[in-house]
Amino acid sequence: MQDIYSRQIEYLRIAVTDRCNLRCTYCMPAEGLPLKSHAEILSLEEIFQIVKAVVPLGIDKIRLTGGEPLVRLGLVDLVKQIRTIPEIKDISLTTNGILLSEFAESLKNAGLNRVNISLDTLDKAKFRQITRLGDIAKVHQGIEAALKAGLEPVKLNVVVIKGVNDGEILDFIELTRNKPLHVRFIELMPIGESDAKALASYLPAEEIKQLVQKKYNLTAVTRVMGSGPAKYYKIDGFKGTVGFIGAISAHFCHNCNRLRLTADGKLRPCLQKSLEYDLLTPLRQGVSQEELRKIVAKAIRHKPKEHDMEVNGWGKQKRGMSQIGG
């Protein structure tokens, strides 16, 4: 199904939980955010019912997010269920990697195709500072487990923050030398907790690329598997790739092909806009799959043309990024 701007909508990002085992400084306050009760959250069976409902509209790519999706009990079973739908071409996961070593193999066996791991620093002390709770050794274990399990590609998402981790950009590049890792440098976005300082603390993707090019010769390559907006490059002799995502300086809304489903069952056509469509209530009222599809189709028709974070930041939204689905 296309929206009114002729964008083909084929990708659903599902937040399976609003809970997270980290408290990253740009994402949420140290004390965390108010959590939904168990009754307010979509059950795994309800998520599966929604996935089945949207497939006839052309949705064939599913990404599971959070919060931190690996803290959701039964996630492996959900992946296994979604994999039974023939039309679904791709199932992926975004995780902070802390628990990935425990689940990588079983997720692969259940039908997960690939994984994105958020990692903003390679320094142990700085990782603890950014995440407040994290042990970077567990993330490295998760990366190795994902590679061993055959989750492919393994992408590392690096949010570049001026004065915090911008001195580590070349260190991240070196991770792609001997391992098939795909490092993506992402501009810091005003996603709630970082709203006040994001536009002053972010480095434009083009500046990051120019810094990399001072040491490495980059050759543009076709997109690595996935539906994301990164522009990818190869370095001669390196096994992996490097990508740049300009969410602020060169946003890619004209190519946006996604919808987001929050953990409490709200469908969002745009990350930054507060427009939401309730799927949980009608689902629990017993509406048919066809009625659910009509709601989703309406959301697609009302998908905004573009965000305006570069001007208005996060706006007046009540939800932070972790409450929507990263």
C-alpha atoms as a PDB file:
ATOM      1  CA  MET A   1       0.000   0.000   0.000  1.00  0.00           C
ATOM      2  CA  GLN A   2       1.195   3.488  -0.822  1.00  0.00           C
ATOM      3  CA  ASP A   3       0.626   6.661   1.148  1.00  0.00           C
ATOM      4  CA  ILE A   4      -0.525   9.893  -0.476  1.00  0.00           C
ATOM      5  CA  TYR A   5       3.101  10.779  -1.298  1.00  0.00           C
ATOM      6  CA  SER A   6       3.544   7.538  -3.279  1.00  0.00           C
ATOM      7  CA  ARG A   7       5.790   5.934  -0.677  1.00  0.00           C
ATOM      8  CA  GLN A   8       5.456   2.154  -0.551  1.00  0.00           C
ATOM      9  CA  ILE A   9       4.779   1.215   3.089  1.00  0.00           C
ATOM     10  CA  GLU A  10       6.211  -2.241   3.697  1.00  0.00           C
ATOM     11  CA  TYR A  11       8.005  -2.109   7.043  1.00  0.00           C
ATOM     12  CA  LEU A  12       6.548  -2.379  10.569  1.00  0.00           C
ATOM     13  CA  ARG A  13       8.662  -1.684  13.649  1.00  0.00           C
ATOM     14  CA  ILE A  14       7.149  -3.268  16.739  1.00  0.00           C
ATOM     15  CA  ALA A  15       8.066  -2.229  20.279  1.00  0.00           C
ATOM     16  CA  VAL A  16       7.507  -5.431  22.235  1.00  0.00           C
ATOM     17  CA  THR A  17       8.147  -3.691  25.576  1.00  0.00           C
ATOM     18  CA  ASP A  18       8.645  -0.230  27.060  1.00  0.00           C
ATOM     19  CA  ARG A  19      11.169  -1.591  29.561  1.00  0.00           C
ATOM     20  CA  CYS A  20      14.935  -1.292  29.219  1.00  0.00           C
ATOM     21  CA  ASN A  21      17.898  -2.567  31.214  1.00  0.00           C
ATOM     22  CA  LEU A  22      19.938   0.579  30.484  1.00  0.00           C
ATOM     23  CA  ARG A  23      19.385   4.302  31.128  1.00  0.00           C
ATOM     24  CA  CYS A  24      21.267   5.977  28.295  1.00  0.00           C
ATOM     25  CA  THR A  25      21.752   9.667  29.005  1.00  0.00           C
ATOM     26  CA  TYR A  26      20.349  10.896  25.680  1.00  0.00           C
ATOM     27  CA  CYS A  27      17.349   8.587  25.850  1.00  0.00           C
ATOM     28  CA  MET A  28      15.884   8.668  29.353  1.00  0.00           C
ATOM     29  CA  PRO A  29      16.438  10.104  32.840  1.00  0.00           C
ATOM     30  CA  ALA A  30      18.437   8.169  35.434  1.00  0.00           C
ATOM     31  CA  GLU A  31      15.299   7.074  37.259  1.00  0.00           C
ATOM     32  CA  GLY A  32      13.750   5.761  34.052  1.00  0.00           C
ATOM     33  CA  LEU A  33      10.320   6.596  32.669  1.00  0.00           C
ATOM     34  CA  PRO A  34       6.803   5.640  33.811  1.00  0.00           C
ATOM     35  CA  LEU A  35       6.069   2.097  32.693  1.00  0.00           C
ATOM     36  CA  LYS A  36       2.823   0.649  31.429  1.00  0.00           C
ATOM     37  CA  SER A  37       1.190  -2.106  33.435  1.00  0.00           C
ATOM     38  CA  HIS A  38       1.116  -5.635  32.064  1.00  0.00           C
ATOM     39  CA  ALA A  39      -2.543  -5.222  31.104  1.00  0.00           C
ATOM     40  CA  GLU A  40      -1.770  -2.096  29.083  1.00  0.00           C
ATOM     41  CA  ILE A  41       0.821  -3.857  26.934  1.00  0.00           C
ATOM     42  CA  LEU A  42       0.084  -5.911  23.855  1.00  0.00           C
ATOM     43  CA  SER A  43       0.368  -9.631  24.504  1.00  0.00           C
ATOM     44  CA  LEU A  44       2.573 -11.624  22.154  1.00  0.00           C
ATOM     45  CA  GLU A  45      -0.523 -13.212  20.635  1.00  0.00           C
ATOM     46  CA  GLU A  46      -2.016  -9.749  20.025  1.00  0.00           C
ATOM     47  CA  ILE A  47       1.190  -8.665  18.311  1.00  0.00           C
ATOM     48  CA  PHE A  48       0.993 -11.737  16.104  1.00  0.00           C
ATOM     49  CA  GLN A  49      -2.637 -10.970  15.257  1.00  0.00           C
ATOM     50  CA  ILE A  50      -1.671  -7.446  14.193  1.00  0.00           C
ATOM     51  CA  VAL A  51       1.174  -8.735  12.037  1.00  0.00           C
ATOM     52  CA  LYS A  52      -1.202 -11.139  10.302  1.00  0.00           C
ATOM     53  CA  ALA A  53      -3.675  -8.315   9.756  1.00  0.00           C
ATOM     54  CA  VAL A  54      -1.195  -5.947   8.081  1.00  0.00           C
ATOM     55  CA  VAL A  55       0.473  -8.447   5.741  1.00  0.00           C
ATOM     56  CA  PRO A  56      -2.254  -8.111   3.046  1.00  0.00           C
ATOM     57  CA  LEU A  57      -1.504  -4.370   2.942  1.00  0.00           C
ATOM     58  CA  GLY A  58       2.023  -5.132   1.741  1.00  0.00           C
ATOM     59  CA  ILE A  59       3.934  -5.253   5.021  1.00  0.00           C
ATOM     60  CA  ASP A  60       6.678  -7.846   4.548  1.00  0.00           C
ATOM     61  CA  LYS A  61       9.437  -6.601   6.874  1.00  0.00           C
ATOM     62  CA  ILE A  62       9.234  -6.709  10.672  1.00  0.00           C
ATOM     63  CA  ARG A  63      11.652  -5.198  13.176  1.00  0.00           C
ATOM     64  CA  LEU A  64      11.324  -5.972  16.888  1.00  0.00           C
ATOM     65  CA  THR A  65      12.405  -3.171  19.219  1.00  0.00           C
ATOM     66  CA  GLY A  66      11.770  -1.852  22.723  1.00  0.00           C
ATOM     67  CA  GLY A  67      12.688  -0.478  25.176  1.00  0.00           C
ATOM     68  CA  GLU A  68      15.039  -3.421  25.101  1.00  0.00           C
ATOM     69  CA  PRO A  69      13.243  -6.270  23.312  1.00  0.00           C
ATOM     70  CA  LEU A  70      15.319  -9.039  24.892  1.00  0.00           C
ATOM     71  CA  VAL A  71      13.841  -8.322  28.335  1.00  0.00           C
ATOM     72  CA  ARG A  72      10.421  -9.395  26.979  1.00  0.00           C
ATOM     73  CA  LEU A  73       9.666 -12.969  27.972  1.00  0.00           C
ATOM     74  CA  GLY A  74       8.630 -15.150  25.053  1.00  0.00           C
ATOM     75  CA  LEU A  75      10.389 -13.116  22.358  1.00  0.00           C
ATOM     76  CA  VAL A  76      11.875 -16.205  20.714  1.00  0.00           C
ATOM     77  CA  ASP A  77       8.410 -17.741  20.447  1.00  0.00           C
ATOM     78  CA  LEU A  78       7.095 -14.540  18.856  1.00  0.00           C
ATOM     79  CA  VAL A  79       9.826 -14.677  16.210  1.00  0.00           C
ATOM     80  CA  LYS A  80       8.940 -18.318  15.549  1.00  0.00           C
ATOM     81  CA  GLN A  81       5.271 -17.390  15.112  1.00  0.00           C
ATOM     82  CA  ILE A  82       5.969 -14.501  12.741  1.00  0.00           C
ATOM     83  CA  ARG A  83       8.245 -16.746  10.683  1.00  0.00           C
ATOM     84  CA  THR A  84       5.231 -18.972   9.905  1.00  0.00           C
ATOM     85  CA  ILE A  85       3.717 -16.168   7.786  1.00  0.00           C
ATOM     86  CA  PRO A  86       4.935 -16.864   4.235  1.00  0.00           C
ATOM     87  CA  GLU A  87       4.696 -13.232   3.086  1.00  0.00           C
ATOM     88  CA  ILE A  88       7.161 -11.973   5.725  1.00  0.00           C
ATOM     89  CA  LYS A  89      10.530 -11.663   3.977  1.00  0.00           C
ATOM     90  CA  ASP A  90      12.615 -10.263   6.797  1.00  0.00           C
ATOM     91  CA  ILE A  91      12.558 -10.284  10.614  1.00  0.00           C
ATOM     92  CA  SER A  92      15.136  -8.176  12.400  1.00  0.00           C
ATOM     93  CA  LEU A  93      15.906  -7.013  15.928  1.00  0.00           C
ATOM     94  CA  THR A  94      17.323  -3.845  17.471  1.00  0.00           C
ATOM     95  CA  THR A  95      19.007  -4.429  20.826  1.00  0.00           C
ATOM     96  CA  ASN A  96      21.548  -2.899  23.179  1.00  0.00           C
ATOM     97  CA  GLY A  97      23.315  -6.262  23.131  1.00  0.00           C
ATOM     98  CA  ILE A  98      23.486  -6.811  26.885  1.00  0.00           C
ATOM     99  CA  LEU A  99      21.449 -10.036  26.732  1.00  0.00           C
ATOM    100  CA  LEU A 100      22.211 -11.020  23.154  1.00  0.00           C
ATOM    101  CA  SER A 101      24.779 -13.706  23.922  1.00  0.00           C
ATOM    102  CA  GLU A 102      22.033 -15.632  25.736  1.00  0.00           C
ATOM    103  CA  PHE A 103      19.541 -15.457  22.871  1.00  0.00           C
ATOM    104  CA  ALA A 104      21.420 -15.147  19.565  1.00  0.00           C
ATOM    105  CA  GLU A 105      21.408 -18.822  18.638  1.00  0.00           C
ATOM    106  CA  SER A 106      17.813 -19.480  19.658  1.00  0.00           C
ATOM    107  CA  LEU A 107      16.641 -16.350  17.831  1.00  0.00           C
ATOM    108  CA  LYS A 108      18.424 -17.472  14.680  1.00  0.00           C
ATOM    109  CA  ASN A 109      16.884 -20.927  14.953  1.00  0.00           C
ATOM    110  CA  ALA A 110      13.450 -19.340  15.445  1.00  0.00           C
ATOM    111  CA  GLY A 111      13.770 -17.420  12.184  1.00  0.00           C
ATOM    112  CA  LEU A 112      15.391 -14.065  13.001  1.00  0.00           C
ATOM    113  CA  ASN A 113      17.384 -12.841  10.007  1.00  0.00           C
ATOM    114  CA  ARG A 114      19.572 -10.081  11.362  1.00  0.00           C
ATOM    115  CA  VAL A 115      20.331  -7.790  14.243  1.00  0.00           C
ATOM    116  CA  ASN A 116      21.233  -4.151  14.924  1.00  0.00           C
ATOM    117  CA  ILE A 117      23.234  -3.512  18.093  1.00  0.00           C
ATOM    118  CA  SER A 118      23.398  -0.059  19.663  1.00  0.00           C
ATOM    119  CA  LEU A 119      26.925   0.768  20.799  1.00  0.00           C
ATOM    120  CA  ASP A 120      28.042   4.373  21.223  1.00  0.00           C
ATOM    121  CA  THR A 121      31.533   3.897  22.646  1.00  0.00           C
ATOM    122  CA  LEU A 122      34.275   1.290  22.860  1.00  0.00           C
ATOM    123  CA  ASP A 123      35.598   2.658  26.142  1.00  0.00           C
ATOM    124  CA  LYS A 124      34.516   0.686  29.208  1.00  0.00           C
ATOM    125  CA  ALA A 125      34.250   3.663  31.560  1.00  0.00           C
ATOM    126  CA  LYS A 126      32.566   5.866  28.997  1.00  0.00           C
ATOM    127  CA  PHE A 127      30.066   3.112  28.198  1.00  0.00           C
ATOM    128  CA  ARG A 128      29.141   2.982  31.860  1.00  0.00           C
ATOM    129  CA  GLN A 129      28.813   6.765  31.879  1.00  0.00           C
ATOM    130  CA  ILE A 130      26.561   6.901  28.798  1.00  0.00           C
ATOM    131  CA  THR A 131      24.355   3.932  29.709  1.00  0.00           C
ATOM    132  CA  ARG A 132      24.497   4.422  33.501  1.00  0.00           C
ATOM    133  CA  LEU A 133      24.019   0.669  34.030  1.00  0.00           C
ATOM    134  CA  GLY A 134      25.837  -1.176  31.281  1.00  0.00           C
ATOM    135  CA  ASP A 135      28.756  -3.603  31.113  1.00  0.00           C
ATOM    136  CA  ILE A 136      30.420  -3.257  27.712  1.00  0.00           C
ATOM    137  CA  ALA A 137      31.916  -6.752  27.949  1.00  0.00           C
ATOM    138  CA  LYS A 138      28.417  -8.199  27.629  1.00  0.00           C
ATOM    139  CA  VAL A 139      27.835  -6.221  24.436  1.00  0.00           C
ATOM    140  CA  HIS A 140      31.035  -7.561  22.903  1.00  0.00           C
ATOM    141  CA  GLN A 141      29.928 -11.065  23.865  1.00  0.00           C
ATOM    142  CA  GLY A 142      26.604 -10.385  22.183  1.00  0.00           C
ATOM    143  CA  ILE A 143      28.296  -9.222  18.984  1.00  0.00           C
ATOM    144  CA  GLU A 144      30.403 -12.376  18.837  1.00  0.00           C
ATOM    145  CA  ALA A 145      27.365 -14.554  19.541  1.00  0.00           C
ATOM    146  CA  ALA A 146      25.408 -12.875  16.739  1.00  0.00           C
ATOM    147  CA  LEU A 147      28.238 -13.460  14.261  1.00  0.00           C
ATOM    148  CA  LYS A 148      28.622 -17.065  15.363  1.00  0.00           C
ATOM    149  CA  ALA A 149      24.881 -17.726  15.098  1.00  0.00           C
ATOM    150  CA  GLY A 150      24.807 -16.452  11.526  1.00  0.00           C
ATOM    151  CA  LEU A 151      22.588 -13.425  12.094  1.00  0.00           C
ATOM    152  CA  GLU A 152      23.490 -11.507   8.985  1.00  0.00           C
ATOM    153  CA  PRO A 153      24.232  -8.706   8.647  1.00  0.00           C
ATOM    154  CA  VAL A 154      25.283  -7.598  12.129  1.00  0.00           C
ATOM    155  CA  LYS A 155      25.008  -3.815  12.234  1.00  0.00           C
ATOM    156  CA  LEU A 156      26.392  -1.559  14.945  1.00  0.00           C
ATOM    157  CA  ASN A 157      24.465   1.671  15.503  1.00  0.00           C
ATOM    158  CA  VAL A 158      26.703   4.471  16.777  1.00  0.00           C
ATOM    159  CA  VAL A 159      25.012   7.722  17.805  1.00  0.00           C
ATOM    160  CA  VAL A 160      27.768  10.330  17.458  1.00  0.00           C
ATOM    161  CA  ILE A 161      27.735  12.973  20.189  1.00  0.00           C
ATOM    162  CA  LYS A 162      30.049  15.947  19.923  1.00  0.00           C
ATOM    163  CA  GLY A 163      32.539  16.027  22.783  1.00  0.00           C
ATOM    164  CA  VAL A 164      31.532  12.567  24.004  1.00  0.00           C
ATOM    165  CA  ASN A 165      32.421   9.890  21.470  1.00  0.00           C
ATOM    166  CA  ASP A 166      33.405  11.773  18.309  1.00  0.00           C
ATOM    167  CA  GLY A 167      37.039  10.930  19.058  1.00  0.00           C
ATOM    168  CA  GLU A 168      36.277   7.210  18.621  1.00  0.00           C
ATOM    169  CA  ILE A 169      34.988   7.285  15.061  1.00  0.00           C
ATOM    170  CA  LEU A 170      38.137   5.758  13.550  1.00  0.00           C
ATOM    171  CA  ASP A 171      38.233   3.123  16.298  1.00  0.00           C
ATOM    172  CA  PHE A 172      34.781   1.986  15.217  1.00  0.00           C
ATOM    173  CA  ILE A 173      35.943   1.858  11.598  1.00  0.00           C
ATOM    174  CA  GLU A 174      38.672  -0.577  12.618  1.00  0.00           C
ATOM    175  CA  LEU A 175      36.043  -3.018  13.890  1.00  0.00           C
ATOM    176  CA  THR A 176      35.102  -3.645  10.255  1.00  0.00           C
ATOM    177  CA  ARG A 177      38.632  -4.598   9.191  1.00  0.00           C
ATOM    178  CA  ASN A 178      38.669  -8.249  10.243  1.00  0.00           C
ATOM    179  CA  LYS A 179      35.002  -8.962  10.950  1.00  0.00           C
ATOM    180  CA  PRO A 180      31.891  -8.661   8.751  1.00  0.00           C
ATOM    181  CA  LEU A 181      30.438  -5.883  10.890  1.00  0.00           C
ATOM    182  CA  HIS A 182      28.544  -2.939   9.462  1.00  0.00           C
ATOM    183  CA  VAL A 183      29.104   0.224  11.489  1.00  0.00           C
ATOM    184  CA  ARG A 184      26.528   2.979  10.975  1.00  0.00           C
ATOM    185  CA  PHE A 185      27.178   6.465  12.332  1.00  0.00           C
ATOM    186  CA  ILE A 186      23.885   8.150  13.249  1.00  0.00           C
ATOM    187  CA  GLU A 187      23.289  11.812  13.947  1.00  0.00           C
ATOM    188  CA  LEU A 188      22.078  12.560  17.459  1.00  0.00           C
ATOM    189  CA  MET A 189      18.356  13.283  17.308  1.00  0.00           C
ATOM    190  CA  PRO A 190      16.200  15.257  19.758  1.00  0.00           C
ATOM    191  CA  ILE A 191      14.337  12.177  20.945  1.00  0.00           C
ATOM    192  CA  GLY A 192      13.078  13.344  24.298  1.00  0.00           C
ATOM    193  CA  GLU A 193      15.775  13.401  26.964  1.00  0.00           C
ATOM    194  CA  SER A 194      18.309  14.852  24.514  1.00  0.00           C
ATOM    195  CA  ASP A 195      15.932  17.441  23.067  1.00  0.00           C
ATOM    196  CA  ALA A 196      17.453  20.525  24.656  1.00  0.00           C
ATOM    197  CA  LYS A 197      21.034  19.794  23.618  1.00  0.00           C
ATOM    198  CA  ALA A 198      20.760  17.527  20.580  1.00  0.00           C
ATOM    199  CA  LEU A 199      20.926  20.184  17.880  1.00  0.00           C
ATOM    200  CA  ALA A 200      24.049  21.646  19.486  1.00  0.00           C
ATOM    201  CA  SER A 201      25.674  18.273  20.187  1.00  0.00           C
ATOM    202  CA  TYR A 202      25.138  16.407  16.941  1.00  0.00           C
ATOM    203  CA  LEU A 203      27.698  16.051  14.172  1.00  0.00           C
ATOM    204  CA  PRO A 204      26.306  16.146  10.617  1.00  0.00           C
ATOM    205  CA  ALA A 205      26.790  12.856   8.794  1.00  0.00           C
ATOM    206  CA  GLU A 206      28.776  14.572   6.058  1.00  0.00           C
ATOM    207  CA  GLU A 207      31.304  15.875   8.593  1.00  0.00           C
ATOM    208  CA  ILE A 208      31.688  12.379  10.039  1.00  0.00           C
ATOM    209  CA  LYS A 209      32.258  11.009   6.556  1.00  0.00           C
ATOM    210  CA  GLN A 210      34.870  13.663   5.781  1.00  0.00           C
ATOM    211  CA  LEU A 211      36.720  12.804   8.974  1.00  0.00           C
ATOM    212  CA  VAL A 212      36.782   9.133   7.975  1.00  0.00           C
ATOM    213  CA  GLN A 213      37.991   9.988   4.476  1.00  0.00           C
ATOM    214  CA  LYS A 214      41.075  11.679   5.881  1.00  0.00           C
ATOM    215  CA  LYS A 215      42.404   8.208   6.710  1.00  0.00           C
ATOM    216  CA  TYR A 216      40.426   5.746   4.582  1.00  0.00           C
ATOM    217  CA  ASN A 217      39.410   5.563   0.934  1.00  0.00           C
ATOM    218  CA  LEU A 218      35.656   4.985   0.821  1.00  0.00           C
ATOM    219  CA  THR A 219      33.937   3.305  -2.105  1.00  0.00           C
ATOM    220  CA  ALA A 220      30.162   3.537  -2.281  1.00  0.00           C
ATOM    221  CA  VAL A 221      28.342   0.204  -2.269  1.00  0.00           C
ATOM    222  CA  THR A 222      24.738  -0.841  -2.691  1.00  0.00           C
ATOM    223  CA  ARG A 223      22.700  -1.005   0.472  1.00  0.00           C
ATOM    224  CA  VAL A 224      23.491  -3.672   2.998  1.00  0.00           C
ATOM    225  CA  MET A 225      20.457  -5.896   3.624  1.00  0.00           C
ATOM    226  CA  GLY A 226      17.682  -3.934   5.273  1.00  0.00           C
ATOM    227  CA  SER A 227      15.211  -1.120   4.765  1.00  0.00           C
ATOM    228  CA  GLY A 228      17.209   1.578   6.484  1.00  0.00           C
ATOM    229  CA  PRO A 229      18.387   4.954   5.190  1.00  0.00           C
ATOM    230  CA  ALA A 230      22.159   4.551   5.629  1.00  0.00           C
ATOM    231  CA  LYS A 231      24.552   5.328   2.772  1.00  0.00           C
ATOM    232  CA  TYR A 232      27.138   2.542   2.835  1.00  0.00           C
ATOM    233  CA  TYR A 233      30.802   2.482   1.876  1.00  0.00           C
ATOM    234  CA  LYS A 234      33.500  -0.160   1.620  1.00  0.00           C
ATOM    235  CA  ILE A 235      37.169   0.160   2.518  1.00  0.00           C
ATOM    236  CA  ASP A 236      39.551  -1.974   0.449  1.00  0.00           C
ATOM    237  CA  GLY A 237      40.568  -5.089   2.336  1.00  0.00           C
ATOM    238  CA  PHE A 238      37.996  -4.637   5.108  1.00  0.00           C
ATOM    239  CA  LYS A 239      35.387  -7.347   5.685  1.00  0.00           C
ATOM    240  CA  GLY A 240      32.623  -5.016   6.820  1.00  0.00           C
ATOM    241  CA  THR A 241      31.215  -1.667   5.737  1.00  0.00           C
ATOM    242  CA  VAL A 242      30.626   1.799   7.146  1.00  0.00           C
ATOM    243  CA  GLY A 243      27.374   3.703   6.846  1.00  0.00           C
ATOM    244  CA  PHE A 244      26.185   7.243   7.562  1.00  0.00           C
ATOM    245  CA  ILE A 245      22.650   8.236   8.555  1.00  0.00           C
ATOM    246  CA  GLY A 246      21.774  11.932   8.335  1.00  0.00           C
ATOM    247  CA  ALA A 247      18.500  11.968  10.243  1.00  0.00           C
ATOM    248  CA  ILE A 248      18.771  15.712  10.903  1.00  0.00           C
ATOM    249  CA  SER A 249      21.057  17.289   8.307  1.00  0.00           C
ATOM    250  CA  ALA A 250      19.737  15.331   5.316  1.00  0.00           C
ATOM    251  CA  HIS A 251      16.608  13.595   6.457  1.00  0.00           C
ATOM    252  CA  PHE A 252      15.173  10.872   4.303  1.00  0.00           C
ATOM    253  CA  CYS A 253      11.443  11.230   4.875  1.00  0.00           C
ATOM    254  CA  HIS A 254      10.764  11.104   1.131  1.00  0.00           C
ATOM    255  CA  ASN A 255      11.863   7.454   1.218  1.00  0.00           C
ATOM    256  CA  CYS A 256      10.280   6.479   4.551  1.00  0.00           C
ATOM    257  CA  ASN A 257       8.582   3.100   4.224  1.00  0.00           C
ATOM    258  CA  ARG A 258       7.716   2.366   7.844  1.00  0.00           C
ATOM    259  CA  LEU A 259       5.092   2.368  10.528  1.00  0.00           C
ATOM    260  CA  ARG A 260       5.730   2.004  14.262  1.00  0.00           C
ATOM    261  CA  LEU A 261       3.660   0.001  16.722  1.00  0.00           C
ATOM    262  CA  THR A 262       4.163   0.974  20.358  1.00  0.00           C
ATOM    263  CA  ALA A 263       4.179  -1.563  23.169  1.00  0.00           C
ATOM    264  CA  ASP A 264       0.744  -0.347  24.263  1.00  0.00           C
ATOM    265  CA  GLY A 265      -0.764  -0.916  20.841  1.00  0.00           C
ATOM    266  CA  LYS A 266      -0.661   2.524  19.218  1.00  0.00           C
ATOM    267  CA  LEU A 267       0.270   2.754  15.547  1.00  0.00           C
ATOM    268  CA  ARG A 268       2.412   5.768  14.638  1.00  0.00           C
ATOM    269  CA  PRO A 269       2.906   6.790  11.016  1.00  0.00           C
ATOM    270  CA  CYS A 270       5.854   9.070  11.948  1.00  0.00           C
ATOM    271  CA  LEU A 271       8.424   8.890  14.737  1.00  0.00           C
ATOM    272  CA  GLN A 272       8.387  12.596  15.549  1.00  0.00           C
ATOM    273  CA  LYS A 273       4.689  13.373  15.094  1.00  0.00           C
ATOM    274  CA  SER A 274       2.347  12.537  17.968  1.00  0.00           C
ATOM    275  CA  LEU A 275      -0.367  11.198  15.632  1.00  0.00           C
ATOM    276  CA  GLU A 276      -1.344   7.682  16.792  1.00  0.00           C
ATOM    277  CA  TYR A 277      -4.028   5.112  15.943  1.00  0.00           C
ATOM    278  CA  ASP A 278      -5.227   2.764  18.658  1.00  0.00           C
ATOM    279  CA  LEU A 279      -5.102  -0.906  17.701  1.00  0.00           C
ATOM    280  CA  LEU A 280      -5.159  -2.424  21.190  1.00  0.00           C
ATOM    281  CA  THR A 281      -8.698  -1.336  22.112  1.00  0.00           C
ATOM    282  CA  PRO A 282     -10.457  -2.578  18.963  1.00  0.00           C
ATOM    283  CA  LEU A 283      -8.375  -5.754  19.037  1.00  0.00           C
ATOM    284  CA  ARG A 284      -9.593  -6.526  22.566  1.00  0.00           C
ATOM    285  CA  GLN A 285     -13.131  -5.650  21.553  1.00  0.00           C
ATOM    286  CA  GLY A 286     -12.956  -8.498  19.082  1.00  0.00           C
ATOM    287  CA  VAL A 287     -12.878  -6.667  15.756  1.00  0.00           C
ATOM    288  CA  SER A 288     -12.067  -8.665  12.653  1.00  0.00           C
ATOM    289  CA  GLN A 289      -8.735  -8.709  10.844  1.00  0.00           C
ATOM    290  CA  GLU A 290     -10.391  -6.696   8.088  1.00  0.00           C
ATOM    291  CA  GLU A 291     -11.413  -3.967  10.547  1.00  0.00           C
ATOM    292  CA  LEU A 292      -7.861  -3.820  11.914  1.00  0.00           C
ATOM    293  CA  ARG A 293      -6.581  -3.454   8.352  1.00  0.00           C
ATOM    294  CA  LYS A 294      -8.915  -0.506   7.796  1.00  0.00           C
ATOM    295  CA  ILE A 295      -7.384   1.303  10.784  1.00  0.00           C
ATOM    296  CA  VAL A 296      -3.871   0.611   9.528  1.00  0.00           C
ATOM    297  CA  ALA A 297      -4.817   1.740   6.024  1.00  0.00           C
ATOM    298  CA  LYS A 298      -6.142   5.005   7.495  1.00  0.00           C
ATOM    299  CA  ALA A 299      -2.835   5.498   9.346  1.00  0.00           C
ATOM    300  CA  ILE A 300      -0.933   4.989   6.104  1.00  0.00           C
ATOM    301  CA  ARG A 301      -3.113   7.528   4.301  1.00  0.00           C
ATOM    302  CA  HIS A 302      -2.368  10.069   7.037  1.00  0.00           C
ATOM    303  CA  LYS A 303       1.376   9.464   7.192  1.00  0.00           C
ATOM    304  CA  PRO A 304       2.996  12.937   7.398  1.00  0.00           C
ATOM    305  CA  LYS A 305       5.190  14.130   4.571  1.00  0.00           C
ATOM    306  CA  GLU A 306       8.220  14.713   6.802  1.00  0.00           C
ATOM    307  CA  HIS A 307       9.493  15.466  10.287  1.00  0.00           C
ATOM    308  CA  ASP A 308      10.755  18.879  11.370  1.00  0.00           C
ATOM    309  CA  MET A 309      13.148  17.902  14.149  1.00  0.00           C
ATOM    310  CA  GLU A 310      15.827  20.194  12.756  1.00  0.00           C
ATOM    311  CA  VAL A 311      13.522  23.112  13.611  1.00  0.00           C
ATOM    312  CA  ASN A 312      11.197  21.991  16.403  1.00  0.00           C
ATOM    313  CA  GLY A 313      13.160  19.198  18.054  1.00  0.00           C
ATOM    314  CA  TRP A 314      10.939  16.572  19.645  1.00  0.00           C
ATOM    315  CA  GLY A 315       8.037  18.996  19.708  1.00  0.00           C
ATOM    316  CA  LYS A 316       5.420  18.703  22.455  1.00  0.00           C
ATOM    317  CA  GLN A 317       5.316  14.932  22.522  1.00  0.00           C
ATOM    318  CA  LYS A 318       4.588  13.207  25.806  1.00  0.00           C
ATOM    319  CA  ARG A 319       6.448  10.044  24.799  1.00  0.00           C
ATOM    320  CA  GLY A 320      10.195   9.618  24.568  1.00  0.00           C
ATOM    321  CA  MET A 321      11.891   7.474  21.955  1.00  0.00           C
ATOM    322  CA  SER A 322      12.131   4.450  24.265  1.00  0.00           C
ATOM    323  CA  GLN A 323       8.356   4.590  24.765  1.00  0.00           C
ATOM    324  CA  ILE A 324       7.715   4.573  21.020  1.00  0.00           C
ATOM    325  CA  GLY A 325      10.189   2.010  19.771  1.00  0.00           C
ATOM    326  CA  GLY A 326      13.752   2.785  18.808  1.00  0.00           C
END
